Amino acid sequence: MWQEADREFKRNQPQLRAHPDVLGVRWQIYAKADDWKTAVELASVIIEQAPGKSRETMYQLARFAFRSNRLWEAREWLEKALKTADRKMKLKALTDRDLEAAWKS
């Protein structure tokens, strides 16, 4: 199913495929498909192209990494996200069930 969605994205014009919102959707597809290598590559492009979205992207990477039991990577992404996070995001991280493992270790 995710492969079909990815094929649809690849049919779009190059400038549309490079839009941060489109990259964000593709990132979610690969993260949910557990294709971590591609998800991280897409996230890196998002962070580079859309600095305003970088904190949220890193936060979401941390969540997916914890769910995939990639604890070391998850902690690194979470640390990067929270380094510049506002109070709202920090409170969100403290109550996020996906990040529960971060607070237990």
PDB file of N, CA and C in Angstrom:
ATOM      1  N   MET A   1       0.817  -1.198   0.000  1.00  0.00           N
ATOM      2  CA  MET A   1       0.000   0.000   0.000  1.00  0.00           C
ATOM      3  C   MET A   1       0.864   1.268   0.000  1.00  0.00           C
ATOM      4  N   TRP A   2       1.878   1.302   0.860  1.00  0.00           N
ATOM      5  CA  TRP A   2       2.715   2.500   0.903  1.00  0.00           C
ATOM      6  C   TRP A   2       3.512   2.656  -0.387  1.00  0.00           C
ATOM      7  N   GLN A   3       3.818   1.508  -1.046  1.00  0.00           N
ATOM      8  CA  GLN A   3       4.555   1.585  -2.292  1.00  0.00           C
ATOM      9  C   GLN A   3       3.728   2.297  -3.358  1.00  0.00           C
ATOM     10  N   GLU A   4       2.417   2.054  -3.361  1.00  0.00           N
ATOM     11  CA  GLU A   4       1.538   2.712  -4.318  1.00  0.00           C
ATOM     12  C   GLU A   4       1.513   4.222  -4.083  1.00  0.00           C
ATOM     13  N   ALA A   5       1.443   4.615  -2.822  1.00  0.00           N
ATOM     14  CA  ALA A   5       1.456   6.046  -2.496  1.00  0.00           C
ATOM     15  C   ALA A   5       2.770   6.682  -2.938  1.00  0.00           C
ATOM     16  N   ASP A   6       3.861   5.978  -2.733  1.00  0.00           N
ATOM     17  CA  ASP A   6       5.156   6.515  -3.134  1.00  0.00           C
ATOM     18  C   ASP A   6       5.239   6.665  -4.652  1.00  0.00           C
ATOM     19  N   ARG A   7       4.707   5.705  -5.389  1.00  0.00           N
ATOM     20  CA  ARG A   7       4.691   5.818  -6.857  1.00  0.00           C
ATOM     21  C   ARG A   7       3.898   7.040  -7.308  1.00  0.00           C
ATOM     22  N   GLU A   8       2.790   7.305  -6.625  1.00  0.00           N
ATOM     23  CA  GLU A   8       1.974   8.480  -6.944  1.00  0.00           C
ATOM     24  C   GLU A   8       2.781   9.765  -6.738  1.00  0.00           C
ATOM     25  N   PHE A   9       3.518   9.849  -5.639  1.00  0.00           N
ATOM     26  CA  PHE A   9       4.337  11.034  -5.371  1.00  0.00           C
ATOM     27  C   PHE A   9       5.402  11.218  -6.443  1.00  0.00           C
ATOM     28  N   LYS A  10       5.982  10.129  -6.889  1.00  0.00           N
ATOM     29  CA  LYS A  10       7.057  10.213  -7.885  1.00  0.00           C
ATOM     30  C   LYS A  10       6.544  10.671  -9.243  1.00  0.00           C
ATOM     31  N   ARG A  11       5.260  10.551  -9.473  1.00  0.00           N
ATOM     32  CA  ARG A  11       4.674  11.010 -10.740  1.00  0.00           C
ATOM     33  C   ARG A  11       4.505  12.531 -10.774  1.00  0.00           C
ATOM     34  N   ASN A  12       4.575  13.182  -9.636  1.00  0.00           N
ATOM     35  CA  ASN A  12       4.425  14.639  -9.568  1.00  0.00           C
ATOM     36  C   ASN A  12       5.626  15.337 -10.196  1.00  0.00           C
ATOM     37  N   GLN A  13       5.436  16.595 -10.550  1.00  0.00           N
ATOM     38  CA  GLN A  13       6.516  17.401 -11.102  1.00  0.00           C
ATOM     39  C   GLN A  13       7.617  17.562 -10.043  1.00  0.00           C
ATOM     40  N   PRO A  14       8.876  17.640 -10.502  1.00  0.00           N
ATOM     41  CA  PRO A  14       9.995  17.733  -9.557  1.00  0.00           C
ATOM     42  C   PRO A  14       9.855  18.847  -8.522  1.00  0.00           C
ATOM     43  N   GLN A  15       9.393  20.048  -8.950  1.00  0.00           N
ATOM     44  CA  GLN A  15       9.292  21.137  -7.981  1.00  0.00           C
ATOM     45  C   GLN A  15       8.229  20.841  -6.917  1.00  0.00           C
ATOM     46  N   LEU A  16       7.192  20.110  -7.279  1.00  0.00           N
ATOM     47  CA  LEU A  16       6.170  19.731  -6.308  1.00  0.00           C
ATOM     48  C   LEU A  16       6.701  18.644  -5.376  1.00  0.00           C
ATOM     49  N   ARG A  17       7.444  17.700  -5.928  1.00  0.00           N
ATOM     50  CA  ARG A  17       8.015  16.624  -5.095  1.00  0.00           C
ATOM     51  C   ARG A  17       8.971  17.174  -4.050  1.00  0.00           C
ATOM     52  N   ALA A  18       9.604  18.307  -4.332  1.00  0.00           N
ATOM     53  CA  ALA A  18      10.588  18.882  -3.419  1.00  0.00           C
ATOM     54  C   ALA A  18       9.960  19.801  -2.373  1.00  0.00           C
ATOM     55  N   HIS A  19       8.668  20.042  -2.456  1.00  0.00           N
ATOM     56  CA  HIS A  19       8.008  20.916  -1.484  1.00  0.00           C
ATOM     57  C   HIS A  19       8.057  20.258  -0.099  1.00  0.00           C
ATOM     58  N   PRO A  20       8.391  21.028   0.959  1.00  0.00           N
ATOM     59  CA  PRO A  20       8.505  20.455   2.300  1.00  0.00           C
ATOM     60  C   PRO A  20       7.254  19.702   2.776  1.00  0.00           C
ATOM     61  N   ASP A  21       6.076  20.163   2.406  1.00  0.00           N
ATOM     62  CA  ASP A  21       4.862  19.447   2.828  1.00  0.00           C
ATOM     63  C   ASP A  21       4.759  18.076   2.151  1.00  0.00           C
ATOM     64  N   VAL A  22       5.128  18.030   0.882  1.00  0.00           N
ATOM     65  CA  VAL A  22       5.110  16.757   0.153  1.00  0.00           C
ATOM     66  C   VAL A  22       6.184  15.830   0.724  1.00  0.00           C
ATOM     67  N   LEU A  23       7.354  16.382   0.982  1.00  0.00           N
ATOM     68  CA  LEU A  23       8.418  15.578   1.593  1.00  0.00           C
ATOM     69  C   LEU A  23       7.980  15.050   2.953  1.00  0.00           C
ATOM     70  N   GLY A  24       7.230  15.862   3.696  1.00  0.00           N
ATOM     71  CA  GLY A  24       6.739  15.434   5.003  1.00  0.00           C
ATOM     72  C   GLY A  24       5.799  14.245   4.911  1.00  0.00           C
ATOM     73  N   VAL A  25       4.941  14.255   3.912  1.00  0.00           N
ATOM     74  CA  VAL A  25       4.028  13.124   3.722  1.00  0.00           C
ATOM     75  C   VAL A  25       4.820  11.883   3.319  1.00  0.00           C
ATOM     76  N   ARG A  26       5.764  12.065   2.408  1.00  0.00           N
ATOM     77  CA  ARG A  26       6.599  10.929   2.002  1.00  0.00           C
ATOM     78  C   ARG A  26       7.394  10.400   3.186  1.00  0.00           C
ATOM     79  N   TRP A  27       7.890  11.308   4.029  1.00  0.00           N
ATOM     80  CA  TRP A  27       8.624  10.884   5.213  1.00  0.00           C
ATOM     81  C   TRP A  27       7.737  10.004   6.090  1.00  0.00           C
ATOM     82  N   GLN A  28       6.499  10.425   6.310  1.00  0.00           N
ATOM     83  CA  GLN A  28       5.581   9.629   7.135  1.00  0.00           C
ATOM     84  C   GLN A  28       5.338   8.254   6.528  1.00  0.00           C
ATOM     85  N   ILE A  29       5.210   8.198   5.222  1.00  0.00           N
ATOM     86  CA  ILE A  29       4.998   6.913   4.549  1.00  0.00           C
ATOM     87  C   ILE A  29       6.172   5.977   4.819  1.00  0.00           C
ATOM     88  N   TYR A  30       7.391   6.472   4.628  1.00  0.00           N
ATOM     89  CA  TYR A  30       8.564   5.625   4.831  1.00  0.00           C
ATOM     90  C   TYR A  30       8.779   5.274   6.298  1.00  0.00           C
ATOM     91  N   ALA A  31       8.505   6.206   7.180  1.00  0.00           N
ATOM     92  CA  ALA A  31       8.652   5.913   8.607  1.00  0.00           C
ATOM     93  C   ALA A  31       7.673   4.825   9.031  1.00  0.00           C
ATOM     94  N   LYS A  32       6.433   4.936   8.595  1.00  0.00           N
ATOM     95  CA  LYS A  32       5.431   3.924   8.948  1.00  0.00           C
ATOM     96  C   LYS A  32       5.721   2.587   8.283  1.00  0.00           C
ATOM     97  N   ALA A  33       6.393   2.616   7.136  1.00  0.00           N
ATOM     98  CA  ALA A  33       6.775   1.377   6.449  1.00  0.00           C
ATOM     99  C   ALA A  33       8.057   0.793   7.051  1.00  0.00           C
ATOM    100  N   ASP A  34       8.607   1.485   8.041  1.00  0.00           N
ATOM    101  CA  ASP A  34       9.832   1.087   8.728  1.00  0.00           C
ATOM    102  C   ASP A  34      11.045   1.079   7.794  1.00  0.00           C
ATOM    103  N   ASP A  35      11.018   1.952   6.796  1.00  0.00           N
ATOM    104  CA  ASP A  35      12.177   2.156   5.926  1.00  0.00           C
ATOM    105  C   ASP A  35      12.932   3.348   6.511  1.00  0.00           C
ATOM    106  N   TRP A  36      13.667   3.066   7.556  1.00  0.00           N
ATOM    107  CA  TRP A  36      14.293   4.116   8.350  1.00  0.00           C
ATOM    108  C   TRP A  36      15.311   4.911   7.559  1.00  0.00           C
ATOM    109  N   LYS A  37      16.083   4.239   6.732  1.00  0.00           N
ATOM    110  CA  LYS A  37      17.122   4.930   5.962  1.00  0.00           C
ATOM    111  C   LYS A  37      16.502   6.021   5.081  1.00  0.00           C
ATOM    112  N   THR A  38      15.469   5.677   4.338  1.00  0.00           N
ATOM    113  CA  THR A  38      14.821   6.653   3.464  1.00  0.00           C
ATOM    114  C   THR A  38      14.128   7.738   4.276  1.00  0.00           C
ATOM    115  N   ALA A  39      13.493   7.355   5.376  1.00  0.00           N
ATOM    116  CA  ALA A  39      12.805   8.339   6.223  1.00  0.00           C
ATOM    117  C   ALA A  39      13.782   9.381   6.754  1.00  0.00           C
ATOM    118  N   VAL A  40      14.941   8.946   7.191  1.00  0.00           N
ATOM    119  CA  VAL A  40      15.946   9.880   7.722  1.00  0.00           C
ATOM    120  C   VAL A  40      16.482  10.775   6.605  1.00  0.00           C
ATOM    121  N   GLU A  41      16.678  10.206   5.414  1.00  0.00           N
ATOM    122  CA  GLU A  41      17.138  11.020   4.280  1.00  0.00           C
ATOM    123  C   GLU A  41      16.124  12.122   3.965  1.00  0.00           C
ATOM    124  N   LEU A  42      14.844  11.760   3.917  1.00  0.00           N
ATOM    125  CA  LEU A  42      13.802  12.748   3.644  1.00  0.00           C
ATOM    126  C   LEU A  42      13.732  13.791   4.762  1.00  0.00           C
ATOM    127  N   ALA A  43      13.843  13.356   5.989  1.00  0.00           N
ATOM    128  CA  ALA A  43      13.807  14.291   7.115  1.00  0.00           C
ATOM    129  C   ALA A  43      14.968  15.276   7.040  1.00  0.00           C
ATOM    130  N   SER A  44      16.117  14.795   6.639  1.00  0.00           N
ATOM    131  CA  SER A  44      17.281  15.684   6.514  1.00  0.00           C
ATOM    132  C   SER A  44      17.026  16.773   5.479  1.00  0.00           C
ATOM    133  N   VAL A  45      16.372  16.407   4.373  1.00  0.00           N
ATOM    134  CA  VAL A  45      16.046  17.395   3.341  1.00  0.00           C
ATOM    135  C   VAL A  45      15.035  18.405   3.885  1.00  0.00           C
ATOM    136  N   ILE A  46      14.039  17.918   4.608  1.00  0.00           N
ATOM    137  CA  ILE A  46      13.036  18.813   5.194  1.00  0.00           C
ATOM    138  C   ILE A  46      13.700  19.802   6.146  1.00  0.00           C
ATOM    139  N   ILE A  47      14.566  19.299   6.996  1.00  0.00           N
ATOM    140  CA  ILE A  47      15.249  20.143   7.981  1.00  0.00           C
ATOM    141  C   ILE A  47      16.088  21.209   7.271  1.00  0.00           C
ATOM    142  N   GLU A  48      16.733  20.818   6.189  1.00  0.00           N
ATOM    143  CA  GLU A  48      17.572  21.759   5.429  1.00  0.00           C
ATOM    144  C   GLU A  48      16.728  22.799   4.690  1.00  0.00           C
ATOM    145  N   GLN A  49      15.631  22.359   4.077  1.00  0.00           N
ATOM    146  CA  GLN A  49      14.817  23.257   3.251  1.00  0.00           C
ATOM    147  C   GLN A  49      13.849  24.114   4.051  1.00  0.00           C
ATOM    148  N   ALA A  50      13.388  23.612   5.151  1.00  0.00           N
ATOM    149  CA  ALA A  50      12.347  24.322   5.917  1.00  0.00           C
ATOM    150  C   ALA A  50      12.736  24.376   7.383  1.00  0.00           C
ATOM    151  N   PRO A  51      13.661  25.269   7.739  1.00  0.00           N
ATOM    152  CA  PRO A  51      14.116  25.340   9.131  1.00  0.00           C
ATOM    153  C   PRO A  51      12.974  25.495  10.141  1.00  0.00           C
ATOM    154  N   GLY A  52      11.909  26.142   9.732  1.00  0.00           N
ATOM    155  CA  GLY A  52      10.776  26.314  10.636  1.00  0.00           C
ATOM    156  C   GLY A  52      10.089  25.014  10.990  1.00  0.00           C
ATOM    157  N   LYS A  53      10.266  23.999  10.157  1.00  0.00           N
ATOM    158  CA  LYS A  53       9.656  22.699  10.402  1.00  0.00           C
ATOM    159  C   LYS A  53      10.642  21.717  11.024  1.00  0.00           C
ATOM    160  N   SER A  54      11.880  22.126  11.170  1.00  0.00           N
ATOM    161  CA  SER A  54      12.905  21.183  11.596  1.00  0.00           C
ATOM    162  C   SER A  54      12.667  20.637  13.001  1.00  0.00           C
ATOM    163  N   ARG A  55      12.257  21.471  13.916  1.00  0.00           N
ATOM    164  CA  ARG A  55      12.040  21.012  15.293  1.00  0.00           C
ATOM    165  C   ARG A  55      10.947  19.944  15.323  1.00  0.00           C
ATOM    166  N   GLU A  56       9.834  20.201  14.646  1.00  0.00           N
ATOM    167  CA  GLU A  56       8.732  19.232  14.615  1.00  0.00           C
ATOM    168  C   GLU A  56       9.154  17.954  13.893  1.00  0.00           C
ATOM    169  N   THR A  57       9.920  18.089  12.829  1.00  0.00           N
ATOM    170  CA  THR A  57      10.401  16.915  12.095  1.00  0.00           C
ATOM    171  C   THR A  57      11.296  16.061  12.984  1.00  0.00           C
ATOM    172  N   MET A  58      12.212  16.697  13.707  1.00  0.00           N
ATOM    173  CA  MET A  58      13.095  15.945  14.606  1.00  0.00           C
ATOM    174  C   MET A  58      12.296  15.273  15.719  1.00  0.00           C
ATOM    175  N   TYR A  59      11.301  15.958  16.212  1.00  0.00           N
ATOM    176  CA  TYR A  59      10.430  15.395  17.252  1.00  0.00           C
ATOM    177  C   TYR A  59       9.718  14.147  16.724  1.00  0.00           C
ATOM    178  N   GLN A  60       9.178  14.238  15.512  1.00  0.00           N
ATOM    179  CA  GLN A  60       8.488  13.090  14.919  1.00  0.00           C
ATOM    180  C   GLN A  60       9.467  11.943  14.639  1.00  0.00           C
ATOM    181  N   LEU A  61      10.693  12.267  14.232  1.00  0.00           N
ATOM    182  CA  LEU A  61      11.712  11.229  14.056  1.00  0.00           C
ATOM    183  C   LEU A  61      11.968  10.505  15.373  1.00  0.00           C
ATOM    184  N   ALA A  62      12.045  11.253  16.448  1.00  0.00           N
ATOM    185  CA  ALA A  62      12.247  10.637  17.761  1.00  0.00           C
ATOM    186  C   ALA A  62      11.101   9.691  18.098  1.00  0.00           C
ATOM    187  N   ARG A  63       9.882  10.117  17.862  1.00  0.00           N
ATOM    188  CA  ARG A  63       8.713   9.284  18.156  1.00  0.00           C
ATOM    189  C   ARG A  63       8.755   7.978  17.367  1.00  0.00           C
ATOM    190  N   PHE A  64       9.022   8.079  16.063  1.00  0.00           N
ATOM    191  CA  PHE A  64       9.078   6.877  15.242  1.00  0.00           C
ATOM    192  C   PHE A  64      10.250   5.986  15.645  1.00  0.00           C
ATOM    193  N   ALA A  65      11.366   6.582  15.975  1.00  0.00           N
ATOM    194  CA  ALA A  65      12.522   5.787  16.387  1.00  0.00           C
ATOM    195  C   ALA A  65      12.242   5.033  17.685  1.00  0.00           C
ATOM    196  N   PHE A  66      11.590   5.671  18.640  1.00  0.00           N
ATOM    197  CA  PHE A  66      11.234   4.965  19.872  1.00  0.00           C
ATOM    198  C   PHE A  66      10.283   3.812  19.583  1.00  0.00           C
ATOM    199  N   ARG A  67       9.299   4.056  18.704  1.00  0.00           N
ATOM    200  CA  ARG A  67       8.354   2.989  18.364  1.00  0.00           C
ATOM    201  C   ARG A  67       9.043   1.837  17.639  1.00  0.00           C
ATOM    202  N   SER A  68      10.141   2.128  16.936  1.00  0.00           N
ATOM    203  CA  SER A  68      10.889   1.096  16.218  1.00  0.00           C
ATOM    204  C   SER A  68      11.999   0.509  17.078  1.00  0.00           C
ATOM    205  N   ASN A  69      12.008   0.873  18.344  1.00  0.00           N
ATOM    206  CA  ASN A  69      12.997   0.394  19.313  1.00  0.00           C
ATOM    207  C   ASN A  69      14.424   0.797  18.942  1.00  0.00           C
ATOM    208  N   ARG A  70      14.561   1.942  18.291  1.00  0.00           N
ATOM    209  CA  ARG A  70      15.874   2.505  17.956  1.00  0.00           C
ATOM    210  C   ARG A  70      16.172   3.575  19.010  1.00  0.00           C
ATOM    211  N   LEU A  71      16.421   3.120  20.235  1.00  0.00           N
ATOM    212  CA  LEU A  71      16.491   4.024  21.380  1.00  0.00           C
ATOM    213  C   LEU A  71      17.607   5.050  21.277  1.00  0.00           C
ATOM    214  N   TRP A  72      18.779   4.633  20.836  1.00  0.00           N
ATOM    215  CA  TRP A  72      19.895   5.569  20.757  1.00  0.00           C
ATOM    216  C   TRP A  72      19.574   6.686  19.778  1.00  0.00           C
ATOM    217  N   GLU A  73      19.090   6.312  18.582  1.00  0.00           N
ATOM    218  CA  GLU A  73      18.738   7.320  17.580  1.00  0.00           C
ATOM    219  C   GLU A  73      17.594   8.199  18.066  1.00  0.00           C
ATOM    220  N   ALA A  74      16.639   7.583  18.719  1.00  0.00           N
ATOM    221  CA  ALA A  74      15.481   8.328  19.212  1.00  0.00           C
ATOM    222  C   ALA A  74      15.908   9.401  20.210  1.00  0.00           C
ATOM    223  N   ARG A  75      16.781   9.038  21.112  1.00  0.00           N
ATOM    224  CA  ARG A  75      17.255  10.012  22.108  1.00  0.00           C
ATOM    225  C   ARG A  75      17.997  11.171  21.438  1.00  0.00           C
ATOM    226  N   GLU A  76      18.781  10.845  20.418  1.00  0.00           N
ATOM    227  CA  GLU A  76      19.509  11.913  19.713  1.00  0.00           C
ATOM    228  C   GLU A  76      18.541  12.872  19.025  1.00  0.00           C
ATOM    229  N   TRP A  77      17.539  12.344  18.318  1.00  0.00           N
ATOM    230  CA  TRP A  77      16.563  13.198  17.640  1.00  0.00           C
ATOM    231  C   TRP A  77      15.764  14.013  18.647  1.00  0.00           C
ATOM    232  N   LEU A  78      15.391  13.388  19.754  1.00  0.00           N
ATOM    233  CA  LEU A  78      14.620  14.100  20.763  1.00  0.00           C
ATOM    234  C   LEU A  78      15.452  15.225  21.382  1.00  0.00           C
ATOM    235  N   GLU A  79      16.700  14.935  21.659  1.00  0.00           N
ATOM    236  CA  GLU A  79      17.580  15.966  22.224  1.00  0.00           C
ATOM    237  C   GLU A  79      17.711  17.154  21.274  1.00  0.00           C
ATOM    238  N   LYS A  80      17.886  16.878  19.986  1.00  0.00           N
ATOM    239  CA  LYS A  80      17.988  17.958  18.996  1.00  0.00           C
ATOM    240  C   LYS A  80      16.696  18.762  18.931  1.00  0.00           C
ATOM    241  N   ALA A  81      15.566  18.066  18.958  1.00  0.00           N
ATOM    242  CA  ALA A  81      14.271  18.753  18.870  1.00  0.00           C
ATOM    243  C   ALA A  81      14.034  19.632  20.087  1.00  0.00           C
ATOM    244  N   LEU A  82      14.371  19.124  21.253  1.00  0.00           N
ATOM    245  CA  LEU A  82      14.075  19.861  22.480  1.00  0.00           C
ATOM    246  C   LEU A  82      15.075  20.976  22.769  1.00  0.00           C
ATOM    247  N   LYS A  83      16.222  20.924  22.110  1.00  0.00           N
ATOM    248  CA  LYS A  83      17.248  21.951  22.323  1.00  0.00           C
ATOM    249  C   LYS A  83      16.694  23.350  22.015  1.00  0.00           C
ATOM    250  N   THR A  84      15.860  23.459  20.999  1.00  0.00           N
ATOM    251  CA  THR A  84      15.299  24.758  20.618  1.00  0.00           C
ATOM    252  C   THR A  84      13.775  24.796  20.789  1.00  0.00           C
ATOM    253  N   ALA A  85      13.254  23.810  21.490  1.00  0.00           N
ATOM    254  CA  ALA A  85      11.791  23.708  21.633  1.00  0.00           C
ATOM    255  C   ALA A  85      11.228  24.782  22.547  1.00  0.00           C
ATOM    256  N   ASP A  86      10.001  25.154  22.256  1.00  0.00           N
ATOM    257  CA  ASP A  86       9.287  26.057  23.147  1.00  0.00           C
ATOM    258  C   ASP A  86       8.641  25.243  24.268  1.00  0.00           C
ATOM    259  N   ARG A  87       8.067  25.930  25.216  1.00  0.00           N
ATOM    260  CA  ARG A  87       7.465  25.282  26.382  1.00  0.00           C
ATOM    261  C   ARG A  87       6.379  24.278  25.971  1.00  0.00           C
ATOM    262  N   LYS A  88       5.591  24.649  24.975  1.00  0.00           N
ATOM    263  CA  LYS A  88       4.492  23.795  24.520  1.00  0.00           C
ATOM    264  C   LYS A  88       5.022  22.432  24.036  1.00  0.00           C
ATOM    265  N   MET A  89       6.101  22.455  23.239  1.00  0.00           N
ATOM    266  CA  MET A  89       6.647  21.192  22.740  1.00  0.00           C
ATOM    267  C   MET A  89       7.262  20.368  23.871  1.00  0.00           C
ATOM    268  N   LYS A  90       7.915  21.027  24.808  1.00  0.00           N
ATOM    269  CA  LYS A  90       8.516  20.296  25.924  1.00  0.00           C
ATOM    270  C   LYS A  90       7.450  19.609  26.760  1.00  0.00           C
ATOM    271  N   LEU A  91       6.340  20.295  26.995  1.00  0.00           N
ATOM    272  CA  LEU A  91       5.236  19.680  27.739  1.00  0.00           C
ATOM    273  C   LEU A  91       4.628  18.535  26.943  1.00  0.00           C
ATOM    274  N   LYS A  92       4.524  18.715  25.647  1.00  0.00           N
ATOM    275  CA  LYS A  92       4.002  17.670  24.768  1.00  0.00           C
ATOM    276  C   LYS A  92       4.892  16.420  24.856  1.00  0.00           C
ATOM    277  N   ALA A  93       6.195  16.624  24.852  1.00  0.00           N
ATOM    278  CA  ALA A  93       7.133  15.502  24.920  1.00  0.00           C
ATOM    279  C   ALA A  93       7.011  14.747  26.242  1.00  0.00           C
ATOM    280  N   LEU A  94       6.738  15.471  27.306  1.00  0.00           N
ATOM    281  CA  LEU A  94       6.619  14.826  28.618  1.00  0.00           C
ATOM    282  C   LEU A  94       5.373  13.952  28.751  1.00  0.00           C
ATOM    283  N   THR A  95       4.367  14.223  27.944  1.00  0.00           N
ATOM    284  CA  THR A  95       3.125  13.456  28.037  1.00  0.00           C
ATOM    285  C   THR A  95       2.908  12.537  26.837  1.00  0.00           C
ATOM    286  N   ASP A  96       3.837  12.507  25.913  1.00  0.00           N
ATOM    287  CA  ASP A  96       3.708  11.696  24.705  1.00  0.00           C
ATOM    288  C   ASP A  96       4.027  10.238  25.033  1.00  0.00           C
ATOM    289  N   ARG A  97       3.034   9.366  24.861  1.00  0.00           N
ATOM    290  CA  ARG A  97       3.219   7.947  25.185  1.00  0.00           C
ATOM    291  C   ARG A  97       4.305   7.293  24.332  1.00  0.00           C
ATOM    292  N   ASP A  98       4.498   7.784  23.105  1.00  0.00           N
ATOM    293  CA  ASP A  98       5.549   7.223  22.252  1.00  0.00           C
ATOM    294  C   ASP A  98       6.940   7.493  22.810  1.00  0.00           C
ATOM    295  N   LEU A  99       7.050   8.514  23.633  1.00  0.00           N
ATOM    296  CA  LEU A  99       8.365   8.883  24.183  1.00  0.00           C
ATOM    297  C   LEU A  99       8.564   8.382  25.608  1.00  0.00           C
ATOM    298  N   GLU A 100       7.637   7.599  26.096  1.00  0.00           N
ATOM    299  CA  GLU A 100       7.691   7.114  27.467  1.00  0.00           C
ATOM    300  C   GLU A 100       9.027   6.438  27.796  1.00  0.00           C
ATOM    301  N   ALA A 101       9.572   5.700  26.853  1.00  0.00           N
ATOM    302  CA  ALA A 101      10.842   5.006  27.081  1.00  0.00           C
ATOM    303  C   ALA A 101      11.977   5.982  27.376  1.00  0.00           C
ATOM    304  N   ALA A 102      11.901   7.181  26.853  1.00  0.00           N
ATOM    305  CA  ALA A 102      12.952   8.171  27.088  1.00  0.00           C
ATOM    306  C   ALA A 102      12.995   8.573  28.548  1.00  0.00           C
ATOM    307  N   TRP A 103      11.858   8.645  29.181  1.00  0.00           N
ATOM    308  CA  TRP A 103      11.815   9.117  30.559  1.00  0.00           C
ATOM    309  C   TRP A 103      12.072   7.990  31.556  1.00  0.00           C
ATOM    310  N   LYS A 104      11.960   6.744  31.099  1.00  0.00           N
ATOM    311  CA  LYS A 104      12.181   5.593  31.989  1.00  0.00           C
ATOM    312  C   LYS A 104      13.638   5.167  32.045  1.00  0.00           C
ATOM    313  N   SER A 105      14.419   5.593  31.061  1.00  0.00           N
ATOM    314  CA  SER A 105      15.813   5.137  31.038  1.00  0.00           C
ATOM    315  C   SER A 105      16.758   6.256  31.399  1.00  0.00           C
TER     316      SER A 105
END
